[in-house]
Amino acid sequence: MVCPCHFIISHLFCGRIESVEEIIKKLAELEVKINAIYKSAEKTRKYFMWMLIISVVFLVLPLIALIFVIPQFLNAIGPNLDLFK
């Protein structure tokens, strides 16, 4: 069975089958290149996602922890400093 797109393209090119075969070959090459670009883009997306996760773990979480640790630290050393005499 002939592919419908093959039939349409062959009529557009007035029956020049070699042109149709060249176009189909080029489309197959383009499909391979598009798949390679997609894989590369997915790798880049995953890289940026992991960089975001690592940044949150090493930057944001310690800042949140300091909100709770600093008051306890000041309460612990406050009486020994004699700042309010």
Foldseek 3Di string as FASTA:
>chain_A
DDDPVLVVVCVVVVNPNVVSVVVVVVVVVVVVVVVVVVVVVVVVVVVVVVVVVVCCVPPVVVVVVCVVVVVVVCVVCVVVVPPPD
